[in-house]
């Protein structure tokens, strides 16, 4: 292989690498946009439920509605933290929190999972 062939292969290789990097950047942006949508939906549903319970408590439909709203907020605290941090497993954390959060072990496990450090997705 002569110098010219080596230069062409280096140029071709670098162009392929640039294409792969730009494609990876686009994929990363799409995932962040999707994650942002999920985060908004989870937070909107959580806040809506808390407001509904608090309002129903004020009008007397649910006695002690404000207390229930605080308890519900604390119950789903791990899922809200994971969603707010943009955790890539915020959906599964919510599901586990929903079904096993009533156990202290399930709630603490979801909290630890939601606060866990995340490696960057390659």
PDB file of N, CA and C in Angstrom:
ATOM      1  N   UNK A   1       0.862  -1.168   0.000  1.00  0.00           N
ATOM      2  CA  UNK A   1       0.000   0.000   0.000  1.00  0.00           C
ATOM      3  C   UNK A   1       0.906   1.228   0.000  1.00  0.00           C
ATOM      4  N   UNK A   2       0.628   2.161  -0.904  1.00  0.00           N
ATOM      5  CA  UNK A   2       1.465   3.363  -0.950  1.00  0.00           C
ATOM      6  C   UNK A   2       0.845   4.481  -0.120  1.00  0.00           C
ATOM      7  N   UNK A   3       1.530   5.622  -0.092  1.00  0.00           N
ATOM      8  CA  UNK A   3       1.102   6.745   0.751  1.00  0.00           C
ATOM      9  C   UNK A   3      -0.266   7.269   0.314  1.00  0.00           C
ATOM     10  N   UNK A   4      -0.525   7.334  -0.973  1.00  0.00           N
ATOM     11  CA  UNK A   4      -1.813   7.826  -1.487  1.00  0.00           C
ATOM     12  C   UNK A   4      -2.976   6.956  -1.050  1.00  0.00           C
ATOM     13  N   UNK A   5      -2.793   5.640  -1.123  1.00  0.00           N
ATOM     14  CA  UNK A   5      -3.855   4.727  -0.692  1.00  0.00           C
ATOM     15  C   UNK A   5      -4.130   4.873   0.799  1.00  0.00           C
ATOM     16  N   UNK A   6      -3.041   5.034   1.587  1.00  0.00           N
ATOM     17  CA  UNK A   6      -3.212   5.196   3.023  1.00  0.00           C
ATOM     18  C   UNK A   6      -3.968   6.485   3.348  1.00  0.00           C
ATOM     19  N   UNK A   7      -3.684   7.565   2.632  1.00  0.00           N
ATOM     20  CA  UNK A   7      -4.371   8.835   2.853  1.00  0.00           C
ATOM     21  C   UNK A   7      -5.853   8.704   2.517  1.00  0.00           C
ATOM     22  N   UNK A   8      -6.155   8.028   1.410  1.00  0.00           N
ATOM     23  CA  UNK A   8      -7.557   7.850   1.032  1.00  0.00           C
ATOM     24  C   UNK A   8      -8.295   7.019   2.076  1.00  0.00           C
ATOM     25  N   UNK A   9      -7.655   5.966   2.574  1.00  0.00           N
ATOM     26  CA  UNK A   9      -8.334   5.141   3.585  1.00  0.00           C
ATOM     27  C   UNK A   9      -8.525   5.929   4.873  1.00  0.00           C
ATOM     28  N   UNK A  10      -7.534   6.788   5.234  1.00  0.00           N
ATOM     29  CA  UNK A  10      -7.686   7.622   6.430  1.00  0.00           C
ATOM     30  C   UNK A  10      -8.809   8.623   6.249  1.00  0.00           C
ATOM     31  N   UNK A  11      -8.906   9.236   5.074  1.00  0.00           N
ATOM     32  CA  UNK A  11      -9.966  10.199   4.804  1.00  0.00           C
ATOM     33  C   UNK A  11     -11.320   9.505   4.820  1.00  0.00           C
ATOM     34  N   UNK A  12     -11.407   8.342   4.188  1.00  0.00           N
ATOM     35  CA  UNK A  12     -12.658   7.599   4.179  1.00  0.00           C
ATOM     36  C   UNK A  12     -13.066   7.162   5.567  1.00  0.00           C
ATOM     37  N   UNK A  13     -12.089   6.739   6.341  1.00  0.00           N
ATOM     38  CA  UNK A  13     -12.381   6.296   7.702  1.00  0.00           C
ATOM     39  C   UNK A  13     -12.845   7.468   8.561  1.00  0.00           C
ATOM     40  N   UNK A  14     -12.223   8.580   8.426  1.00  0.00           N
ATOM     41  CA  UNK A  14     -12.626   9.724   9.235  1.00  0.00           C
ATOM     42  C   UNK A  14     -14.015  10.215   8.833  1.00  0.00           C
ATOM     43  N   UNK A  15     -14.338  10.135   7.552  1.00  0.00           N
ATOM     44  CA  UNK A  15     -15.689  10.524   7.119  1.00  0.00           C
ATOM     45  C   UNK A  15     -16.722   9.575   7.715  1.00  0.00           C
ATOM     46  N   UNK A  16     -16.406   8.284   7.738  1.00  0.00           N
ATOM     47  CA  UNK A  16     -17.328   7.316   8.349  1.00  0.00           C
ATOM     48  C   UNK A  16     -17.495   7.601   9.836  1.00  0.00           C
ATOM     49  N   UNK A  17     -16.397   7.899  10.508  1.00  0.00           N
ATOM     50  CA  UNK A  17     -16.466   8.200  11.938  1.00  0.00           C
ATOM     51  C   UNK A  17     -17.292   9.454  12.202  1.00  0.00           C
ATOM     52  N   UNK A  18     -17.102  10.484  11.364  1.00  0.00           N
ATOM     53  CA  UNK A  18     -17.898  11.701  11.511  1.00  0.00           C
ATOM     54  C   UNK A  18     -19.377  11.414  11.314  1.00  0.00           C
ATOM     55  N   UNK A  19     -19.705  10.576  10.327  1.00  0.00           N
ATOM     56  CA  UNK A  19     -21.104  10.220  10.086  1.00  0.00           C
ATOM     57  C   UNK A  19     -21.679   9.480  11.290  1.00  0.00           C
ATOM     58  N   UNK A  20     -20.898   8.538  11.821  1.00  0.00           N
ATOM     59  CA  UNK A  20     -21.375   7.785  12.982  1.00  0.00           C
ATOM     60  C   UNK A  20     -21.588   8.699  14.184  1.00  0.00           C
ATOM     61  N   UNK A  21     -20.670   9.632  14.401  1.00  0.00           N
ATOM     62  CA  UNK A  21     -20.811  10.557  15.522  1.00  0.00           C
ATOM     63  C   UNK A  21     -22.036  11.444  15.370  1.00  0.00           C
ATOM     64  N   UNK A  22     -22.267  11.937  14.135  1.00  0.00           N
ATOM     65  CA  UNK A  22     -23.442  12.791  13.927  1.00  0.00           C
ATOM     66  C   UNK A  22     -24.725  11.983  14.090  1.00  0.00           C
ATOM     67  N   UNK A  23     -24.724  10.738  13.628  1.00  0.00           N
ATOM     68  CA  UNK A  23     -25.890   9.875  13.795  1.00  0.00           C
ATOM     69  C   UNK A  23     -26.141   9.609  15.273  1.00  0.00           C
ATOM     70  N   UNK A  24     -25.050   9.370  16.038  1.00  0.00           N
ATOM     71  CA  UNK A  24     -25.191   9.135  17.473  1.00  0.00           C
ATOM     72  C   UNK A  24     -25.724  10.380  18.170  1.00  0.00           C
ATOM     73  N   UNK A  25     -25.280  11.561  17.748  1.00  0.00           N
ATOM     74  CA  UNK A  25     -25.792  12.804  18.322  1.00  0.00           C
ATOM     75  C   UNK A  25     -27.285  12.963  18.060  1.00  0.00           C
ATOM     76  N   UNK A  26     -27.715  12.645  16.847  1.00  0.00           N
ATOM     77  CA  UNK A  26     -29.142  12.737  16.512  1.00  0.00           C
ATOM     78  C   UNK A  26     -29.962  11.777  17.361  1.00  0.00           C
ATOM     79  N   UNK A  27     -29.475  10.552  17.515  1.00  0.00           N
ATOM     80  CA  UNK A  27     -30.182   9.574  18.338  1.00  0.00           C
ATOM     81  C   UNK A  27     -30.273  10.040  19.785  1.00  0.00           C
ATOM     82  N   UNK A  28     -29.183  10.590  20.302  1.00  0.00           N
ATOM     83  CA  UNK A  28     -29.167  11.093  21.668  1.00  0.00           C
ATOM     84  C   UNK A  28     -30.186  12.216  21.846  1.00  0.00           C
ATOM     85  N   UNK A  29     -30.273  13.111  20.866  1.00  0.00           N
ATOM     86  CA  UNK A  29     -31.244  14.206  20.931  1.00  0.00           C
ATOM     87  C   UNK A  29     -32.675  13.683  20.901  1.00  0.00           C
ATOM     88  N   UNK A  30     -32.939  12.690  20.061  1.00  0.00           N
ATOM     89  CA  UNK A  30     -34.290  12.107  20.003  1.00  0.00           C
ATOM     90  C   UNK A  30     -34.677  11.465  21.330  1.00  0.00           C
ATOM     91  N   UNK A  31     -33.733  10.745  21.934  1.00  0.00           N
ATOM     92  CA  UNK A  31     -34.019  10.104  23.217  1.00  0.00           C
ATOM     93  C   UNK A  31     -34.282  11.131  24.302  1.00  0.00           C
ATOM     94  N   UNK A  32     -33.527  12.225  24.295  1.00  0.00           N
ATOM     95  CA  UNK A  32     -33.740  13.265  25.293  1.00  0.00           C
ATOM     96  C   UNK A  32     -35.093  13.927  25.092  1.00  0.00           C
ATOM     97  N   UNK A  33     -35.512  14.126  23.840  1.00  0.00           N
ATOM     98  CA  UNK A  33     -36.824  14.714  23.583  1.00  0.00           C
ATOM     99  C   UNK A  33     -37.926  13.789  24.073  1.00  0.00           C
ATOM    100  N   UNK A  34     -37.795  12.485  23.803  1.00  0.00           N
ATOM    101  CA  UNK A  34     -38.799  11.534  24.281  1.00  0.00           C
ATOM    102  C   UNK A  34     -38.832  11.496  25.799  1.00  0.00           C
ATOM    103  N   UNK A  35     -37.648  11.503  26.414  1.00  0.00           N
ATOM    104  CA  UNK A  35     -37.569  11.458  27.869  1.00  0.00           C
ATOM    105  C   UNK A  35     -38.196  12.702  28.477  1.00  0.00           C
ATOM    106  N   UNK A  36     -38.010  13.846  27.824  1.00  0.00           N
ATOM    107  CA  UNK A  36     -38.611  15.078  28.308  1.00  0.00           C
ATOM    108  C   UNK A  36     -40.127  15.007  28.263  1.00  0.00           C
ATOM    109  N   UNK A  37     -40.700  14.371  27.238  1.00  0.00           N
ATOM    110  CA  UNK A  37     -42.145  14.204  27.146  1.00  0.00           C
ATOM    111  C   UNK A  37     -42.685  13.310  28.235  1.00  0.00           C
ATOM    112  N   UNK A  38     -41.972  12.220  28.507  1.00  0.00           N
ATOM    113  CA  UNK A  38     -42.393  11.320  29.583  1.00  0.00           C
ATOM    114  C   UNK A  38     -42.358  12.038  30.923  1.00  0.00           C
ATOM    115  N   UNK A  39     -41.321  12.804  31.114  1.00  0.00           N
ATOM    116  CA  UNK A  39     -41.162  13.526  32.373  1.00  0.00           C
ATOM    117  C   UNK A  39     -42.327  14.480  32.587  1.00  0.00           C
ATOM    118  N   UNK A  40     -42.717  15.187  31.543  1.00  0.00           N
ATOM    119  CA  UNK A  40     -43.823  16.124  31.651  1.00  0.00           C
ATOM    120  C   UNK A  40     -45.131  15.431  31.957  1.00  0.00           C
ATOM    121  N   UNK A  41     -45.369  14.293  31.338  1.00  0.00           N
ATOM    122  CA  UNK A  41     -46.615  13.559  31.563  1.00  0.00           C
ATOM    123  C   UNK A  41     -46.676  13.037  32.995  1.00  0.00           C
ATOM    124  N   UNK A  42     -45.583  12.457  33.471  1.00  0.00           N
ATOM    125  CA  UNK A  42     -45.569  11.911  34.832  1.00  0.00           C
ATOM    126  C   UNK A  42     -45.786  13.022  35.856  1.00  0.00           C
ATOM    127  N   UNK A  43     -45.081  14.131  35.676  1.00  0.00           N
ATOM    128  CA  UNK A  43     -45.239  15.228  36.627  1.00  0.00           C
ATOM    129  C   UNK A  43     -46.633  15.836  36.559  1.00  0.00           C
ATOM    130  N   UNK A  44     -47.191  15.963  35.355  1.00  0.00           N
ATOM    131  CA  UNK A  44     -48.529  16.533  35.214  1.00  0.00           C
ATOM    132  C   UNK A  44     -49.575  15.644  35.892  1.00  0.00           C
ATOM    133  N   UNK A  45     -49.469  14.334  35.703  1.00  0.00           N
ATOM    134  CA  UNK A  45     -50.417  13.415  36.325  1.00  0.00           C
ATOM    135  C   UNK A  45     -50.270  13.457  37.849  1.00  0.00           C
ATOM    136  N   UNK A  46     -49.037  13.473  38.325  1.00  0.00           N
ATOM    137  CA  UNK A  46     -48.811  13.499  39.777  1.00  0.00           C
ATOM    138  C   UNK A  46     -49.347  14.782  40.395  1.00  0.00           C
ATOM    139  N   UNK A  47     -49.030  15.915  39.783  1.00  0.00           N
ATOM    140  CA  UNK A  47     -49.505  17.192  40.323  1.00  0.00           C
ATOM    141  C   UNK A  47     -51.025  17.282  40.216  1.00  0.00           C
ATOM    142  N   UNK A  48     -51.579  16.824  39.104  1.00  0.00           N
ATOM    143  CA  UNK A  48     -53.039  16.834  38.939  1.00  0.00           C
ATOM    144  C   UNK A  48     -53.737  16.000  39.992  1.00  0.00           C
ATOM    145  N   UNK A  49     -53.193  14.831  40.280  1.00  0.00           N
ATOM    146  CA  UNK A  49     -53.799  13.971  41.304  1.00  0.00           C
ATOM    147  C   UNK A  49     -53.717  14.623  42.679  1.00  0.00           C
ATOM    148  N   UNK A  50     -52.587  15.226  42.974  1.00  0.00           N
ATOM    149  CA  UNK A  50     -52.436  15.881  44.275  1.00  0.00           C
ATOM    150  C   UNK A  50     -53.391  17.061  44.411  1.00  0.00           C
ATOM    151  N   UNK A  51     -53.518  17.857  43.365  1.00  0.00           N
ATOM    152  CA  UNK A  51     -54.432  19.003  43.412  1.00  0.00           C
ATOM    153  C   UNK A  51     -55.874  18.524  43.543  1.00  0.00           C
ATOM    154  N   UNK A  52     -56.249  17.484  42.797  1.00  0.00           N
ATOM    155  CA  UNK A  52     -57.607  16.958  42.862  1.00  0.00           C
ATOM    156  C   UNK A  52     -57.942  16.471  44.274  1.00  0.00           C
ATOM    157  N   UNK A  53     -57.026  15.734  44.881  1.00  0.00           N
ATOM    158  CA  UNK A  53     -57.272  15.233  46.227  1.00  0.00           C
ATOM    159  C   UNK A  53     -57.368  16.388  47.223  1.00  0.00           C
ATOM    160  N   UNK A  54     -56.492  17.376  47.080  1.00  0.00           N
ATOM    161  CA  UNK A  54     -56.527  18.520  47.995  1.00  0.00           C
ATOM    162  C   UNK A  54     -57.813  19.314  47.837  1.00  0.00           C
ATOM    163  N   UNK A  55     -58.273  19.521  46.593  1.00  0.00           N
ATOM    164  CA  UNK A  55     -59.509  20.276  46.351  1.00  0.00           C
ATOM    165  C   UNK A  55     -60.711  19.497  46.875  1.00  0.00           C
ATOM    166  N   UNK A  56     -60.753  18.205  46.618  1.00  0.00           N
ATOM    167  CA  UNK A  56     -61.859  17.392  47.131  1.00  0.00           C
ATOM    168  C   UNK A  56     -61.872  17.387  48.657  1.00  0.00           C
ATOM    169  N   UNK A  57     -60.703  17.478  49.264  1.00  0.00           N
ATOM    170  CA  UNK A  57     -60.635  17.556  50.721  1.00  0.00           C
ATOM    171  C   UNK A  57     -61.177  18.876  51.237  1.00  0.00           C
ATOM    172  N   UNK A  58     -60.950  19.954  50.493  1.00  0.00           N
ATOM    173  CA  UNK A  58     -61.437  21.267  50.912  1.00  0.00           C
ATOM    174  C   UNK A  58     -62.961  21.358  50.848  1.00  0.00           C
ATOM    175  N   UNK A  59     -63.549  20.719  49.836  1.00  0.00           N
ATOM    176  CA  UNK A  59     -65.003  20.792  49.706  1.00  0.00           C
ATOM    177  C   UNK A  59     -65.707  19.726  50.540  1.00  0.00           C
ATOM    178  N   UNK A  60     -64.951  18.877  51.194  1.00  0.00           N
ATOM    179  CA  UNK A  60     -65.548  17.888  52.079  1.00  0.00           C
ATOM    180  C   UNK A  60     -65.851  16.560  51.415  1.00  0.00           C
ATOM    181  N   UNK A  61     -65.538  16.412  50.126  1.00  0.00           N
ATOM    182  CA  UNK A  61     -65.801  15.146  49.448  1.00  0.00           C
ATOM    183  C   UNK A  61     -64.876  14.046  49.981  1.00  0.00           C
ATOM    184  N   UNK A  62     -63.643  14.424  50.302  1.00  0.00           N
ATOM    185  CA  UNK A  62     -62.710  13.482  50.914  1.00  0.00           C
ATOM    186  C   UNK A  62     -62.260  14.103  52.228  1.00  0.00           C
ATOM    187  N   UNK A  63     -62.735  13.581  53.345  1.00  0.00           N
ATOM    188  CA  UNK A  63     -62.297  14.155  54.625  1.00  0.00           C
ATOM    189  C   UNK A  63     -60.783  14.004  54.784  1.00  0.00           C
ATOM    190  N   UNK A  64     -60.130  15.097  55.133  1.00  0.00           N
ATOM    191  CA  UNK A  64     -58.673  15.072  55.293  1.00  0.00           C
ATOM    192  C   UNK A  64     -57.949  14.961  53.983  1.00  0.00           C
ATOM    193  N   UNK A  65     -58.496  15.547  52.924  1.00  0.00           N
ATOM    194  CA  UNK A  65     -57.906  15.438  51.584  1.00  0.00           C
ATOM    195  C   UNK A  65     -56.500  15.964  51.505  1.00  0.00           C
ATOM    196  N   UNK A  66     -56.188  16.997  52.251  1.00  0.00           N
ATOM    197  CA  UNK A  66     -54.830  17.553  52.228  1.00  0.00           C
ATOM    198  C   UNK A  66     -53.834  16.553  52.798  1.00  0.00           C
ATOM    199  N   UNK A  67     -54.251  15.828  53.813  1.00  0.00           N
ATOM    200  CA  UNK A  67     -53.380  14.810  54.393  1.00  0.00           C
ATOM    201  C   UNK A  67     -53.137  13.701  53.374  1.00  0.00           C
ATOM    202  N   UNK A  68     -54.189  13.291  52.674  1.00  0.00           N
ATOM    203  CA  UNK A  68     -54.039  12.266  51.639  1.00  0.00           C
ATOM    204  C   UNK A  68     -53.137  12.746  50.512  1.00  0.00           C
ATOM    205  N   UNK A  69     -53.222  14.014  50.161  1.00  0.00           N
ATOM    206  CA  UNK A  69     -52.383  14.564  49.101  1.00  0.00           C
ATOM    207  C   UNK A  69     -50.911  14.502  49.499  1.00  0.00           C
ATOM    208  N   UNK A  70     -50.621  14.823  50.745  1.00  0.00           N
ATOM    209  CA  UNK A  70     -49.234  14.770  51.219  1.00  0.00           C
ATOM    210  C   UNK A  70     -48.743  13.322  51.247  1.00  0.00           C
ATOM    211  N   UNK A  71     -49.581  12.420  51.715  1.00  0.00           N
ATOM    212  CA  UNK A  71     -49.201  11.004  51.761  1.00  0.00           C
ATOM    213  C   UNK A  71     -48.959  10.471  50.350  1.00  0.00           C
ATOM    214  N   UNK A  72     -49.823  10.836  49.411  1.00  0.00           N
ATOM    215  CA  UNK A  72     -49.651  10.396  48.017  1.00  0.00           C
ATOM    216  C   UNK A  72     -48.370  10.965  47.423  1.00  0.00           C
ATOM    217  N   UNK A  73     -48.067  12.221  47.732  1.00  0.00           N
ATOM    218  CA  UNK A  73     -46.831  12.832  47.231  1.00  0.00           C
ATOM    219  C   UNK A  73     -45.610  12.107  47.794  1.00  0.00           C
ATOM    220  N   UNK A  74     -45.638  11.774  49.054  1.00  0.00           N
ATOM    221  CA  UNK A  74     -44.526  11.043  49.651  1.00  0.00           C
ATOM    222  C   UNK A  74     -44.422   9.628  49.101  1.00  0.00           C
ATOM    223  N   UNK A  75     -45.562   9.019  48.830  1.00  0.00           N
ATOM    224  CA  UNK A  75     -45.576   7.657  48.289  1.00  0.00           C
ATOM    225  C   UNK A  75     -44.885   7.609  46.933  1.00  0.00           C
ATOM    226  N   UNK A  76     -45.187   8.591  46.072  1.00  0.00           N
ATOM    227  CA  UNK A  76     -44.620   8.604  44.725  1.00  0.00           C
ATOM    228  C   UNK A  76     -43.366   9.472  44.614  1.00  0.00           C
ATOM    229  N   UNK A  77     -42.787   9.844  45.731  1.00  0.00           N
ATOM    230  CA  UNK A  77     -41.574  10.649  45.719  1.00  0.00           C
ATOM    231  C   UNK A  77     -40.441   9.995  44.918  1.00  0.00           C
ATOM    232  N   UNK A  78     -40.164   8.701  45.063  1.00  0.00           N
ATOM    233  CA  UNK A  78     -39.091   8.098  44.253  1.00  0.00           C
ATOM    234  C   UNK A  78     -39.342   8.206  42.747  1.00  0.00           C
ATOM    235  N   UNK A  79     -40.573   7.998  42.322  1.00  0.00           N
ATOM    236  CA  UNK A  79     -40.887   8.094  40.887  1.00  0.00           C
ATOM    237  C   UNK A  79     -40.758   9.531  40.398  1.00  0.00           C
ATOM    238  N   UNK A  80     -41.176  10.494  41.221  1.00  0.00           N
ATOM    239  CA  UNK A  80     -41.072  11.890  40.820  1.00  0.00           C
ATOM    240  C   UNK A  80     -39.606  12.334  40.753  1.00  0.00           C
ATOM    241  N   UNK A  81     -38.786  11.855  41.685  1.00  0.00           N
ATOM    242  CA  UNK A  81     -37.365  12.190  41.649  1.00  0.00           C
ATOM    243  C   UNK A  81     -36.714  11.606  40.406  1.00  0.00           C
ATOM    244  N   UNK A  82     -37.002  10.359  40.102  1.00  0.00           N
ATOM    245  CA  UNK A  82     -36.418   9.723  38.913  1.00  0.00           C
ATOM    246  C   UNK A  82     -36.853  10.443  37.641  1.00  0.00           C
ATOM    247  N   UNK A  83     -38.110  10.812  37.569  1.00  0.00           N
ATOM    248  CA  UNK A  83     -38.611  11.514  36.392  1.00  0.00           C
ATOM    249  C   UNK A  83     -37.972  12.892  36.264  1.00  0.00           C
ATOM    250  N   UNK A  84     -37.837  13.590  37.375  1.00  0.00           N
ATOM    251  CA  UNK A  84     -37.253  14.926  37.361  1.00  0.00           C
ATOM    252  C   UNK A  84     -35.776  14.893  36.976  1.00  0.00           C
ATOM    253  N   UNK A  85     -35.068  13.850  37.380  1.00  0.00           N
ATOM    254  CA  UNK A  85     -33.652  13.718  37.042  1.00  0.00           C
ATOM    255  C   UNK A  85     -33.448  13.213  35.624  1.00  0.00           C
ATOM    256  N   UNK A  86     -34.518  12.854  34.931  1.00  0.00           N
ATOM    257  CA  UNK A  86     -34.393  12.340  33.569  1.00  0.00           C
ATOM    258  C   UNK A  86     -33.794  10.945  33.543  1.00  0.00           C
ATOM    259  N   UNK A  87     -34.082  10.166  34.573  1.00  0.00           N
ATOM    260  CA  UNK A  87     -33.551   8.801  34.681  1.00  0.00           C
ATOM    261  C   UNK A  87     -34.081   7.972  33.517  1.00  0.00           C
ATOM    262  N   UNK A  88     -33.203   7.194  32.907  1.00  0.00           N
ATOM    263  CA  UNK A  88     -33.628   6.415  31.738  1.00  0.00           C
ATOM    264  C   UNK A  88     -34.585   5.291  32.109  1.00  0.00           C
ATOM    265  N   UNK A  89     -34.681   4.938  33.375  1.00  0.00           N
ATOM    266  CA  UNK A  89     -35.605   3.899  33.836  1.00  0.00           C
ATOM    267  C   UNK A  89     -36.742   4.487  34.662  1.00  0.00           C
ATOM    268  N   UNK A  90     -37.144   5.707  34.367  1.00  0.00           N
ATOM    269  CA  UNK A  90     -38.181   6.335  35.183  1.00  0.00           C
ATOM    270  C   UNK A  90     -39.526   5.612  35.056  1.00  0.00           C
ATOM    271  N   UNK A  91     -39.823   5.037  33.904  1.00  0.00           N
ATOM    272  CA  UNK A  91     -41.062   4.273  33.738  1.00  0.00           C
ATOM    273  C   UNK A  91     -41.101   3.034  34.622  1.00  0.00           C
ATOM    274  N   UNK A  92     -40.074   2.177  34.537  1.00  0.00           N
ATOM    275  CA  UNK A  92     -40.055   1.015  35.435  1.00  0.00           C
ATOM    276  C   UNK A  92     -40.011   1.387  36.916  1.00  0.00           C
ATOM    277  N   UNK A  93     -39.336   2.472  37.241  1.00  0.00           N
ATOM    278  CA  UNK A  93     -39.305   2.909  38.644  1.00  0.00           C
ATOM    279  C   UNK A  93     -40.713   3.271  39.102  1.00  0.00           C
ATOM    280  N   UNK A  94     -41.476   3.950  38.238  1.00  0.00           N
ATOM    281  CA  UNK A  94     -42.855   4.301  38.582  1.00  0.00           C
ATOM    282  C   UNK A  94     -43.701   3.052  38.807  1.00  0.00           C
ATOM    283  N   UNK A  95     -43.560   2.060  37.933  1.00  0.00           N
ATOM    284  CA  UNK A  95     -44.367   0.841  38.049  1.00  0.00           C
ATOM    285  C   UNK A  95     -44.027   0.081  39.333  1.00  0.00           C
ATOM    286  N   UNK A  96     -42.725  -0.058  39.617  1.00  0.00           N
ATOM    287  CA  UNK A  96     -42.327  -0.747  40.848  1.00  0.00           C
ATOM    288  C   UNK A  96     -42.805   0.036  42.064  1.00  0.00           C
ATOM    289  N   UNK A  97     -42.690   1.364  42.003  1.00  0.00           N
ATOM    290  CA  UNK A  97     -43.154   2.209  43.105  1.00  0.00           C
ATOM    291  C   UNK A  97     -44.666   2.057  43.299  1.00  0.00           C
ATOM    292  N   UNK A  98     -45.397   1.971  42.198  1.00  0.00           N
ATOM    293  CA  UNK A  98     -46.851   1.841  42.265  1.00  0.00           C
ATOM    294  C   UNK A  98     -47.266   0.553  42.965  1.00  0.00           C
ATOM    295  N   UNK A  99     -46.637  -0.563  42.589  1.00  0.00           N
ATOM    296  CA  UNK A  99     -47.067  -1.855  43.113  1.00  0.00           C
ATOM    297  C   UNK A  99     -46.349  -2.298  44.388  1.00  0.00           C
ATOM    298  N   UNK A 100     -45.110  -1.860  44.595  1.00  0.00           N
ATOM    299  CA  UNK A 100     -44.362  -2.307  45.772  1.00  0.00           C
ATOM    300  C   UNK A 100     -43.986  -1.176  46.715  1.00  0.00           C
ATOM    301  N   UNK A 101     -44.418   0.047  46.410  1.00  0.00           N
ATOM    302  CA  UNK A 101     -44.076   1.182  47.255  1.00  0.00           C
ATOM    303  C   UNK A 101     -44.692   1.105  48.637  1.00  0.00           C
ATOM    304  N   UNK A 102     -45.773   0.356  48.790  1.00  0.00           N
ATOM    305  CA  UNK A 102     -46.416   0.254  50.099  1.00  0.00           C
ATOM    306  C   UNK A 102     -45.560  -0.507  51.094  1.00  0.00           C
ATOM    307  N   UNK A 103     -44.636  -1.328  50.567  1.00  0.00           N
ATOM    308  CA  UNK A 103     -43.689  -1.979  51.467  1.00  0.00           C
ATOM    309  C   UNK A 103     -42.521  -1.021  51.652  1.00  0.00           C
ATOM    310  N   UNK A 104     -41.989  -0.956  52.804  1.00  0.00           N
ATOM    311  CA  UNK A 104     -40.873  -0.048  53.065  1.00  0.00           C
ATOM    312  C   UNK A 104     -39.671  -0.412  52.197  1.00  0.00           C
ATOM    313  N   UNK A 105     -39.437  -1.697  52.008  1.00  0.00           N
ATOM    314  CA  UNK A 105     -38.308  -2.145  51.188  1.00  0.00           C
ATOM    315  C   UNK A 105     -38.500  -1.707  49.736  1.00  0.00           C
ATOM    316  N   UNK A 106     -39.703  -1.851  49.204  1.00  0.00           N
ATOM    317  CA  UNK A 106     -39.969  -1.422  47.827  1.00  0.00           C
ATOM    318  C   UNK A 106     -39.806   0.073  47.643  1.00  0.00           C
ATOM    319  N   UNK A 107     -40.273   0.854  48.613  1.00  0.00           N
ATOM    320  CA  UNK A 107     -40.174   2.311  48.518  1.00  0.00           C
ATOM    321  C   UNK A 107     -38.721   2.762  48.583  1.00  0.00           C
ATOM    322  N   UNK A 108     -37.961   2.218  49.541  1.00  0.00           N
ATOM    323  CA  UNK A 108     -36.547   2.586  49.676  1.00  0.00           C
ATOM    324  C   UNK A 108     -35.761   2.112  48.454  1.00  0.00           C
ATOM    325  N   UNK A 109     -36.097   0.935  47.944  1.00  0.00           N
ATOM    326  CA  UNK A 109     -35.432   0.443  46.736  1.00  0.00           C
ATOM    327  C   UNK A 109     -35.672   1.348  45.541  1.00  0.00           C
ATOM    328  N   UNK A 110     -36.907   1.808  45.372  1.00  0.00           N
ATOM    329  CA  UNK A 110     -37.221   2.730  44.272  1.00  0.00           C
ATOM    330  C   UNK A 110     -36.509   4.064  44.461  1.00  0.00           C
ATOM    331  N   UNK A 111     -36.434   4.520  45.690  1.00  0.00           N
ATOM    332  CA  UNK A 111     -35.736   5.775  45.961  1.00  0.00           C
ATOM    333  C   UNK A 111     -34.254   5.646  45.615  1.00  0.00           C
ATOM    334  N   UNK A 112     -33.634   4.557  46.025  1.00  0.00           N
ATOM    335  CA  UNK A 112     -32.219   4.340  45.715  1.00  0.00           C
ATOM    336  C   UNK A 112     -31.999   4.212  44.213  1.00  0.00           C
ATOM    337  N   UNK A 113     -32.911   3.512  43.526  1.00  0.00           N
ATOM    338  CA  UNK A 113     -32.813   3.330  42.078  1.00  0.00           C
ATOM    339  C   UNK A 113     -32.958   4.674  41.365  1.00  0.00           C
ATOM    340  N   UNK A 114     -33.871   5.483  41.832  1.00  0.00           N
ATOM    341  CA  UNK A 114     -34.085   6.784  41.206  1.00  0.00           C
ATOM    342  C   UNK A 114     -32.937   7.751  41.433  1.00  0.00           C
ATOM    343  N   UNK A 115     -32.251   7.609  42.568  1.00  0.00           N
ATOM    344  CA  UNK A 115     -31.119   8.488  42.881  1.00  0.00           C
ATOM    345  C   UNK A 115     -29.786   7.941  42.387  1.00  0.00           C
ATOM    346  N   UNK A 116     -29.780   6.725  41.869  1.00  0.00           N
ATOM    347  CA  UNK A 116     -28.532   6.089  41.428  1.00  0.00           C
ATOM    348  C   UNK A 116     -27.892   6.862  40.289  1.00  0.00           C
ATOM    349  N   UNK A 117     -26.564   6.855  40.284  1.00  0.00           N
ATOM    350  CA  UNK A 117     -25.810   7.517  39.220  1.00  0.00           C
ATOM    351  C   UNK A 117     -26.034   6.770  37.911  1.00  0.00           C
ATOM    352  N   UNK A 118     -26.165   7.534  36.838  1.00  0.00           N
ATOM    353  CA  UNK A 118     -26.397   6.924  35.524  1.00  0.00           C
ATOM    354  C   UNK A 118     -25.174   7.110  34.648  1.00  0.00           C
ATOM    355  N   UNK A 119     -24.801   6.072  33.956  1.00  0.00           N
ATOM    356  CA  UNK A 119     -23.746   6.182  32.965  1.00  0.00           C
ATOM    357  C   UNK A 119     -24.337   6.758  31.689  1.00  0.00           C
ATOM    358  N   UNK A 120     -23.550   7.487  30.963  1.00  0.00           N
ATOM    359  CA  UNK A 120     -24.021   8.065  29.701  1.00  0.00           C
ATOM    360  C   UNK A 120     -24.284   6.925  28.712  1.00  0.00           C
ATOM    361  N   UNK A 121     -25.392   6.998  28.011  1.00  0.00           N
ATOM    362  CA  UNK A 121     -25.735   5.984  27.022  1.00  0.00           C
ATOM    363  C   UNK A 121     -24.911   6.229  25.780  1.00  0.00           C
ATOM    364  N   UNK A 122     -24.232   5.205  25.301  1.00  0.00           N
ATOM    365  CA  UNK A 122     -23.388   5.366  24.117  1.00  0.00           C
ATOM    366  C   UNK A 122     -24.141   5.072  22.862  1.00  0.00           C
TER     367      UNK A 122
END
